[in-house]
Amino acid sequence: DVIDQLVAEGVTVSVDSYRAATQRFAAARGA
């Protein structure tokens, strides 16, 4: 919910995770 809201607002988002599924999710969600 956090990344979806921030990306929708045009915020440049980075996600800090070494887990493959989390990185995959973040990339698909606009990080």
Full PDB file with SEQRES, HELIX, SHEET, SSBOND, CRYST1, ORIGX, SCALE, CONECT and MASTER records, all heavy atoms in Angstrom:
SEQRES   1 A   31  ASP VAL ILE ASP GLN LEU VAL ALA GLU GLY VAL THR VAL          
SEQRES   2 A   31  SER VAL ASP SER TYR ARG ALA ALA THR GLN ARG PHE ALA          
SEQRES   3 A   31  ALA ALA ARG GLY ALA                                          
HELIX    1 AA1 VAL A    2  ALA A    8  1                                   7    
HELIX    2 AA2 ALA A   20  ALA A   28  1                                   9    
CRYST1    1.000    1.000    1.000  90.00  90.00  90.00 P 1           1          
ORIGX1      1.000000  0.000000  0.000000        0.00000                         
ORIGX2      0.000000  1.000000  0.000000        0.00000                         
ORIGX3      0.000000  0.000000  1.000000        0.00000                         
SCALE1      1.000000  0.000000  0.000000        0.00000                         
SCALE2      0.000000  1.000000  0.000000        0.00000                         
SCALE3      0.000000  0.000000  1.000000        0.00000                         
ATOM      1  N   ASP A   1       0.820  -1.216   0.000  1.00  0.00           N  
ATOM      2  CA  ASP A   1       0.000   0.000   0.000  1.00  0.00           C  
ATOM      3  C   ASP A   1       0.852   1.264   0.000  1.00  0.00           C  
ATOM      4  O   ASP A   1       0.463   2.289  -0.573  1.00  0.00           O  
ATOM      5  CB  ASP A   1      -0.940   0.008   1.210  1.00  0.00           C  
ATOM      6  CG  ASP A   1      -2.012  -1.069   1.120  1.00  0.00           C  
ATOM      7  OD1 ASP A   1      -2.325  -1.491  -0.015  1.00  0.00           O  
ATOM      8  OD2 ASP A   1      -2.523  -1.499   2.174  1.00  0.00           O  
ATOM      9  N   VAL A   2       2.024   1.182   0.648  1.00  0.00           N  
ATOM     10  CA  VAL A   2       2.896   2.360   0.734  1.00  0.00           C  
ATOM     11  C   VAL A   2       3.488   2.687  -0.628  1.00  0.00           C  
ATOM     12  O   VAL A   2       3.419   3.832  -1.094  1.00  0.00           O  
ATOM     13  CB  VAL A   2       4.025   2.133   1.768  1.00  0.00           C  
ATOM     14  CG1 VAL A   2       4.921   3.372   1.854  1.00  0.00           C  
ATOM     15  CG2 VAL A   2       3.444   1.795   3.134  1.00  0.00           C  
ATOM     16  N   ILE A   3       4.058   1.690  -1.289  1.00  0.00           N  
ATOM     17  CA  ILE A   3       4.682   1.952  -2.588  1.00  0.00           C  
ATOM     18  C   ILE A   3       3.638   2.356  -3.618  1.00  0.00           C  
ATOM     19  O   ILE A   3       3.868   3.260  -4.428  1.00  0.00           O  
ATOM     20  CB  ILE A   3       5.519   0.735  -3.062  1.00  0.00           C  
ATOM     21  CG1 ILE A   3       6.390   1.134  -4.259  1.00  0.00           C  
ATOM     22  CG2 ILE A   3       4.651  -0.460  -3.406  1.00  0.00           C  
ATOM     23  CD1 ILE A   3       7.389   0.059  -4.668  1.00  0.00           C  
ATOM     24  N   ASP A   4       2.482   1.723  -3.580  1.00  0.00           N  
ATOM     25  CA  ASP A   4       1.436   2.088  -4.543  1.00  0.00           C  
ATOM     26  C   ASP A   4       1.035   3.550  -4.402  1.00  0.00           C  
ATOM     27  O   ASP A   4       0.885   4.274  -5.400  1.00  0.00           O  
ATOM     28  CB  ASP A   4       0.207   1.196  -4.356  1.00  0.00           C  
ATOM     29  CG  ASP A   4       0.394  -0.197  -4.942  1.00  0.00           C  
ATOM     30  OD1 ASP A   4       1.437  -0.430  -5.594  1.00  0.00           O  
ATOM     31  OD2 ASP A   4      -0.489  -1.054  -4.732  1.00  0.00           O  
ATOM     32  N   GLN A   5       0.875   4.017  -3.155  1.00  0.00           N  
ATOM     33  CA  GLN A   5       0.455   5.400  -2.949  1.00  0.00           C  
ATOM     34  C   GLN A   5       1.547   6.383  -3.365  1.00  0.00           C  
ATOM     35  O   GLN A   5       1.274   7.382  -4.043  1.00  0.00           O  
ATOM     36  CB  GLN A   5       0.062   5.631  -1.494  1.00  0.00           C  
ATOM     37  CG  GLN A   5      -0.477   7.039  -1.236  1.00  0.00           C  
ATOM     38  CD  GLN A   5      -1.137   7.187   0.125  1.00  0.00           C  
ATOM     39  OE1 GLN A   5      -1.629   6.221   0.700  1.00  0.00           O  
ATOM     40  NE2 GLN A   5      -1.136   8.403   0.643  1.00  0.00           N  
ATOM     41  N   LEU A   6       2.776   6.095  -2.971  1.00  0.00           N  
ATOM     42  CA  LEU A   6       3.862   7.027  -3.284  1.00  0.00           C  
ATOM     43  C   LEU A   6       4.135   7.096  -4.783  1.00  0.00           C  
ATOM     44  O   LEU A   6       4.330   8.188  -5.335  1.00  0.00           O  
ATOM     45  CB  LEU A   6       5.130   6.626  -2.526  1.00  0.00           C  
ATOM     46  CG  LEU A   6       5.062   6.742  -1.003  1.00  0.00           C  
ATOM     47  CD1 LEU A   6       6.373   6.276  -0.374  1.00  0.00           C  
ATOM     48  CD2 LEU A   6       4.750   8.174  -0.563  1.00  0.00           C  
ATOM     49  N   VAL A   7       4.149   5.957  -5.453  1.00  0.00           N  
ATOM     50  CA  VAL A   7       4.393   5.958  -6.895  1.00  0.00           C  
ATOM     51  C   VAL A   7       3.264   6.691  -7.619  1.00  0.00           C  
ATOM     52  O   VAL A   7       3.502   7.463  -8.561  1.00  0.00           O  
ATOM     53  CB  VAL A   7       4.557   4.519  -7.416  1.00  0.00           C  
ATOM     54  CG1 VAL A   7       4.537   4.488  -8.949  1.00  0.00           C  
ATOM     55  CG2 VAL A   7       5.860   3.912  -6.901  1.00  0.00           C  
ATOM     56  N   ALA A   8       2.036   6.477  -7.162  1.00  0.00           N  
ATOM     57  CA  ALA A   8       0.892   7.173  -7.780  1.00  0.00           C  
ATOM     58  C   ALA A   8       1.012   8.681  -7.619  1.00  0.00           C  
ATOM     59  O   ALA A   8       0.525   9.445  -8.475  1.00  0.00           O  
ATOM     60  CB  ALA A   8      -0.409   6.682  -7.151  1.00  0.00           C  
ATOM     61  N   GLU A   9       1.673   9.130  -6.546  1.00  0.00           N  
ATOM     62  CA  GLU A   9       1.863  10.559  -6.310  1.00  0.00           C  
ATOM     63  C   GLU A   9       3.075  11.126  -7.048  1.00  0.00           C  
ATOM     64  O   GLU A   9       3.352  12.320  -6.970  1.00  0.00           O  
ATOM     65  CB  GLU A   9       2.042  10.808  -4.808  1.00  0.00           C  
ATOM     66  CG  GLU A   9       0.794  10.507  -3.985  1.00  0.00           C  
ATOM     67  CD  GLU A   9       1.071  10.558  -2.489  1.00  0.00           C  
ATOM     68  OE1 GLU A   9       2.261  10.699  -2.107  1.00  0.00           O  
ATOM     69  OE2 GLU A   9       0.115  10.448  -1.708  1.00  0.00           O  
ATOM     70  N   GLY A  10       3.813  10.261  -7.736  1.00  0.00           N  
ATOM     71  CA  GLY A  10       4.979  10.720  -8.476  1.00  0.00           C  
ATOM     72  C   GLY A  10       6.259  10.765  -7.672  1.00  0.00           C  
ATOM     73  O   GLY A  10       7.257  11.357  -8.115  1.00  0.00           O  
ATOM     74  N   VAL A  11       6.269  10.144  -6.485  1.00  0.00           N  
ATOM     75  CA  VAL A  11       7.470  10.107  -5.651  1.00  0.00           C  
ATOM     76  C   VAL A  11       8.461   9.100  -6.229  1.00  0.00           C  
ATOM     77  O   VAL A  11       8.073   8.000  -6.646  1.00  0.00           O  
ATOM     78  CB  VAL A  11       7.109   9.718  -4.197  1.00  0.00           C  
ATOM     79  CG1 VAL A  11       8.363   9.556  -3.346  1.00  0.00           C  
ATOM     80  CG2 VAL A  11       6.177  10.761  -3.588  1.00  0.00           C  
ATOM     81  N   THR A  12       9.727   9.465  -6.268  1.00  0.00           N  
ATOM     82  CA  THR A  12      10.774   8.537  -6.697  1.00  0.00           C  
ATOM     83  C   THR A  12      11.081   7.600  -5.540  1.00  0.00           C  
ATOM     84  O   THR A  12      11.515   8.035  -4.471  1.00  0.00           O  
ATOM     85  CB  THR A  12      12.050   9.297  -7.109  1.00  0.00           C  
ATOM     86  OG1 THR A  12      11.731  10.184  -8.179  1.00  0.00           O  
ATOM     87  CG2 THR A  12      13.135   8.335  -7.550  1.00  0.00           C  
ATOM     88  N   VAL A  13      10.864   6.305  -5.764  1.00  0.00           N  
ATOM     89  CA  VAL A  13      10.945   5.318  -4.691  1.00  0.00           C  
ATOM     90  C   VAL A  13      12.086   4.340  -4.929  1.00  0.00           C  
ATOM     91  O   VAL A  13      12.306   3.862  -6.045  1.00  0.00           O  
ATOM     92  CB  VAL A  13       9.620   4.527  -4.572  1.00  0.00           C  
ATOM     93  CG1 VAL A  13       9.755   3.368  -3.584  1.00  0.00           C  
ATOM     94  CG2 VAL A  13       8.485   5.459  -4.139  1.00  0.00           C  
ATOM     95  N   SER A  14      12.806   4.049  -3.853  1.00  0.00           N  
ATOM     96  CA  SER A  14      13.789   2.972  -3.810  1.00  0.00           C  
ATOM     97  C   SER A  14      13.292   1.930  -2.816  1.00  0.00           C  
ATOM     98  O   SER A  14      12.648   2.279  -1.816  1.00  0.00           O  
ATOM     99  CB  SER A  14      15.151   3.508  -3.363  1.00  0.00           C  
ATOM    100  OG  SER A  14      16.076   2.452  -3.171  1.00  0.00           O  
ATOM    101  N   VAL A  15      13.567   0.666  -3.074  1.00  0.00           N  
ATOM    102  CA  VAL A  15      13.214  -0.393  -2.129  1.00  0.00           C  
ATOM    103  C   VAL A  15      14.485  -1.120  -1.715  1.00  0.00           C  
ATOM    104  O   VAL A  15      15.274  -1.559  -2.564  1.00  0.00           O  
ATOM    105  CB  VAL A  15      12.185  -1.373  -2.722  1.00  0.00           C  
ATOM    106  CG1 VAL A  15      12.007  -2.594  -1.818  1.00  0.00           C  
ATOM    107  CG2 VAL A  15      10.843  -0.665  -2.894  1.00  0.00           C  
ATOM    108  N   ASP A  16      14.675  -1.236  -0.408  1.00  0.00           N  
ATOM    109  CA  ASP A  16      15.860  -1.832   0.185  1.00  0.00           C  
ATOM    110  C   ASP A  16      15.540  -3.266   0.590  1.00  0.00           C  
ATOM    111  O   ASP A  16      14.938  -3.513   1.638  1.00  0.00           O  
ATOM    112  CB  ASP A  16      16.260  -0.995   1.407  1.00  0.00           C  
ATOM    113  CG  ASP A  16      17.434  -1.575   2.177  1.00  0.00           C  
ATOM    114  OD1 ASP A  16      18.048  -2.547   1.700  1.00  0.00           O  
ATOM    115  OD2 ASP A  16      17.732  -1.055   3.275  1.00  0.00           O  
ATOM    116  N   SER A  17      15.922  -4.219  -0.258  1.00  0.00           N  
ATOM    117  CA  SER A  17      15.696  -5.629   0.046  1.00  0.00           C  
ATOM    118  C   SER A  17      16.631  -6.482  -0.797  1.00  0.00           C  
ATOM    119  O   SER A  17      16.891  -6.154  -1.955  1.00  0.00           O  
ATOM    120  CB  SER A  17      14.249  -6.040  -0.244  1.00  0.00           C  
ATOM    121  OG  SER A  17      14.073  -7.445  -0.051  1.00  0.00           O  
ATOM    122  N   TYR A  18      17.124  -7.580  -0.221  1.00  0.00           N  
ATOM    123  CA  TYR A  18      17.941  -8.505  -1.002  1.00  0.00           C  
ATOM    124  C   TYR A  18      17.136  -9.717  -1.458  1.00  0.00           C  
ATOM    125  O   TYR A  18      17.673 -10.621  -2.107  1.00  0.00           O  
ATOM    126  CB  TYR A  18      19.170  -8.968  -0.200  1.00  0.00           C  
ATOM    127  CG  TYR A  18      18.868  -9.688   1.098  1.00  0.00           C  
ATOM    128  CD1 TYR A  18      18.600 -11.053   1.115  1.00  0.00           C  
ATOM    129  CD2 TYR A  18      18.888  -9.007   2.316  1.00  0.00           C  
ATOM    130  CE1 TYR A  18      18.347 -11.724   2.307  1.00  0.00           C  
ATOM    131  CE2 TYR A  18      18.635  -9.652   3.501  1.00  0.00           C  
ATOM    132  CZ  TYR A  18      18.372 -11.014   3.503  1.00  0.00           C  
ATOM    133  OH  TYR A  18      18.127 -11.667   4.687  1.00  0.00           O  
ATOM    134  N   ARG A  19      15.846  -9.747  -1.170  1.00  0.00           N  
ATOM    135  CA  ARG A  19      15.018 -10.901  -1.514  1.00  0.00           C  
ATOM    136  C   ARG A  19      14.476 -10.760  -2.943  1.00  0.00           C  
ATOM    137  O   ARG A  19      13.934  -9.718  -3.323  1.00  0.00           O  
ATOM    138  CB  ARG A  19      13.878 -11.046  -0.527  1.00  0.00           C  
ATOM    139  CG  ARG A  19      14.365 -11.375   0.883  1.00  0.00           C  
ATOM    140  CD  ARG A  19      13.201 -11.608   1.817  1.00  0.00           C  
ATOM    141  NE  ARG A  19      13.645 -11.989   3.144  1.00  0.00           N  
ATOM    142  CZ  ARG A  19      13.958 -13.225   3.500  1.00  0.00           C  
ATOM    143  NH1 ARG A  19      13.884 -14.200   2.616  1.00  0.00           N  
ATOM    144  NH2 ARG A  19      14.344 -13.498   4.724  1.00  0.00           N  
ATOM    145  N   ALA A  20      14.586 -11.840  -3.700  1.00  0.00           N  
ATOM    146  CA  ALA A  20      14.226 -11.815  -5.114  1.00  0.00           C  
ATOM    147  C   ALA A  20      12.764 -11.453  -5.323  1.00  0.00           C  
ATOM    148  O   ALA A  20      12.434 -10.612  -6.180  1.00  0.00           O  
ATOM    149  CB  ALA A  20      14.528 -13.172  -5.747  1.00  0.00           C  
ATOM    150  N   ALA A  21      11.858 -12.070  -4.565  1.00  0.00           N  
ATOM    151  CA  ALA A  21      10.426 -11.804  -4.770  1.00  0.00           C  
ATOM    152  C   ALA A  21      10.093 -10.360  -4.432  1.00  0.00           C  
ATOM    153  O   ALA A  21       9.262  -9.737  -5.116  1.00  0.00           O  
ATOM    154  CB  ALA A  21       9.583 -12.754  -3.918  1.00  0.00           C  
ATOM    155  N   THR A  22      10.721  -9.812  -3.408  1.00  0.00           N  
ATOM    156  CA  THR A  22      10.469  -8.420  -3.034  1.00  0.00           C  
ATOM    157  C   THR A  22      10.984  -7.478  -4.115  1.00  0.00           C  
ATOM    158  O   THR A  22      10.303  -6.503  -4.486  1.00  0.00           O  
ATOM    159  CB  THR A  22      11.135  -8.094  -1.689  1.00  0.00           C  
ATOM    160  OG1 THR A  22      10.704  -9.038  -0.702  1.00  0.00           O  
ATOM    161  CG2 THR A  22      10.788  -6.692  -1.229  1.00  0.00           C  
ATOM    162  N   GLN A  23      12.160  -7.743  -4.640  1.00  0.00           N  
ATOM    163  CA  GLN A  23      12.702  -6.914  -5.722  1.00  0.00           C  
ATOM    164  C   GLN A  23      11.805  -6.991  -6.956  1.00  0.00           C  
ATOM    165  O   GLN A  23      11.537  -5.980  -7.607  1.00  0.00           O  
ATOM    166  CB  GLN A  23      14.114  -7.364  -6.065  1.00  0.00           C  
ATOM    167  CG  GLN A  23      15.132  -7.078  -4.982  1.00  0.00           C  
ATOM    168  CD  GLN A  23      16.522  -7.572  -5.343  1.00  0.00           C  
ATOM    169  OE1 GLN A  23      16.743  -8.091  -6.440  1.00  0.00           O  
ATOM    170  NE2 GLN A  23      17.469  -7.421  -4.430  1.00  0.00           N  
ATOM    171  N   ARG A  24      11.346  -8.184  -7.270  1.00  0.00           N  
ATOM    172  CA  ARG A  24      10.477  -8.377  -8.433  1.00  0.00           C  
ATOM    173  C   ARG A  24       9.174  -7.582  -8.256  1.00  0.00           C  
ATOM    174  O   ARG A  24       8.709  -6.910  -9.171  1.00  0.00           O  
ATOM    175  CB  ARG A  24      10.195  -9.869  -8.583  1.00  0.00           C  
ATOM    176  CG  ARG A  24       9.664 -10.299  -9.932  1.00  0.00           C  
ATOM    177  CD  ARG A  24       9.615 -11.808 -10.016  1.00  0.00           C  
ATOM    178  NE  ARG A  24      10.952 -12.401 -10.016  1.00  0.00           N  
ATOM    179  CZ  ARG A  24      11.368 -13.294  -9.116  1.00  0.00           C  
ATOM    180  NH1 ARG A  24      10.583 -13.701  -8.140  1.00  0.00           N  
ATOM    181  NH2 ARG A  24      12.579 -13.784  -9.199  1.00  0.00           N  
ATOM    182  N   PHE A  25       8.622  -7.673  -7.058  1.00  0.00           N  
ATOM    183  CA  PHE A  25       7.389  -6.932  -6.738  1.00  0.00           C  
ATOM    184  C   PHE A  25       7.632  -5.430  -6.856  1.00  0.00           C  
ATOM    185  O   PHE A  25       6.832  -4.701  -7.466  1.00  0.00           O  
ATOM    186  CB  PHE A  25       6.928  -7.287  -5.325  1.00  0.00           C  
ATOM    187  CG  PHE A  25       5.898  -6.360  -4.764  1.00  0.00           C  
ATOM    188  CD1 PHE A  25       4.561  -6.516  -5.055  1.00  0.00           C  
ATOM    189  CD2 PHE A  25       6.278  -5.300  -3.946  1.00  0.00           C  
ATOM    190  CE1 PHE A  25       3.604  -5.636  -4.553  1.00  0.00           C  
ATOM    191  CE2 PHE A  25       5.343  -4.417  -3.429  1.00  0.00           C  
ATOM    192  CZ  PHE A  25       3.997  -4.594  -3.736  1.00  0.00           C  
ATOM    193  N   ALA A  26       8.731  -4.941  -6.284  1.00  0.00           N  
ATOM    194  CA  ALA A  26       9.016  -3.507  -6.289  1.00  0.00           C  
ATOM    195  C   ALA A  26       9.186  -2.979  -7.704  1.00  0.00           C  
ATOM    196  O   ALA A  26       8.685  -1.899  -8.051  1.00  0.00           O  
ATOM    197  CB  ALA A  26      10.265  -3.224  -5.458  1.00  0.00           C  
ATOM    198  N   ALA A  27       9.890  -3.740  -8.542  1.00  0.00           N  
ATOM    199  CA  ALA A  27      10.095  -3.319  -9.926  1.00  0.00           C  
ATOM    200  C   ALA A  27       8.763  -3.242 -10.666  1.00  0.00           C  
ATOM    201  O   ALA A  27       8.503  -2.286 -11.413  1.00  0.00           O  
ATOM    202  CB  ALA A  27      11.042  -4.286 -10.629  1.00  0.00           C  
ATOM    203  N   ALA A  28       7.908  -4.233 -10.443  1.00  0.00           N  
ATOM    204  CA  ALA A  28       6.607  -4.251 -11.121  1.00  0.00           C  
ATOM    205  C   ALA A  28       5.700  -3.136 -10.635  1.00  0.00           C  
ATOM    206  O   ALA A  28       4.806  -2.677 -11.366  1.00  0.00           O  
ATOM    207  CB  ALA A  28       5.931  -5.605 -10.899  1.00  0.00           C  
ATOM    208  N   ARG A  29       5.937  -2.673  -9.401  1.00  0.00           N  
ATOM    209  CA  ARG A  29       5.068  -1.662  -8.797  1.00  0.00           C  
ATOM    210  C   ARG A  29       5.565  -0.245  -9.035  1.00  0.00           C  
ATOM    211  O   ARG A  29       4.984   0.713  -8.541  1.00  0.00           O  
ATOM    212  CB  ARG A  29       5.014  -1.932  -7.302  1.00  0.00           C  
ATOM    213  CG  ARG A  29       3.688  -2.215  -6.620  1.00  0.00           C  
ATOM    214  CD  ARG A  29       2.683  -2.964  -7.410  1.00  0.00           C  
ATOM    215  NE  ARG A  29       1.429  -3.012  -6.688  1.00  0.00           N  
ATOM    216  CZ  ARG A  29       0.714  -4.117  -6.505  1.00  0.00           C  
ATOM    217  NH1 ARG A  29       1.113  -5.240  -7.009  1.00  0.00           N  
ATOM    218  NH2 ARG A  29      -0.425  -4.065  -5.840  1.00  0.00           N  
ATOM    219  N   GLY A  30       6.661  -0.088  -9.761  1.00  0.00           N  
ATOM    220  CA  GLY A  30       7.098   1.251 -10.141  1.00  0.00           C  
ATOM    221  C   GLY A  30       8.267   1.821  -9.376  1.00  0.00           C  
ATOM    222  O   GLY A  30       8.548   3.022  -9.487  1.00  0.00           O  
ATOM    223  N   ALA A  31       8.987   0.995  -8.604  1.00  0.00           N  
ATOM    224  CA  ALA A  31      10.183   1.491  -7.927  1.00  0.00           C  
ATOM    225  C   ALA A  31      11.221   1.928  -8.958  1.00  0.00           C  
ATOM    226  O   ALA A  31      11.399   1.286  -9.995  1.00  0.00           O  
ATOM    227  CB  ALA A  31      10.774   0.417  -7.028  1.00  0.00           C  
TER     228      ALA A  31                                                      
MASTER        0    0    0    2    0    0    0    6  227    1    0    3          
END                                                                             
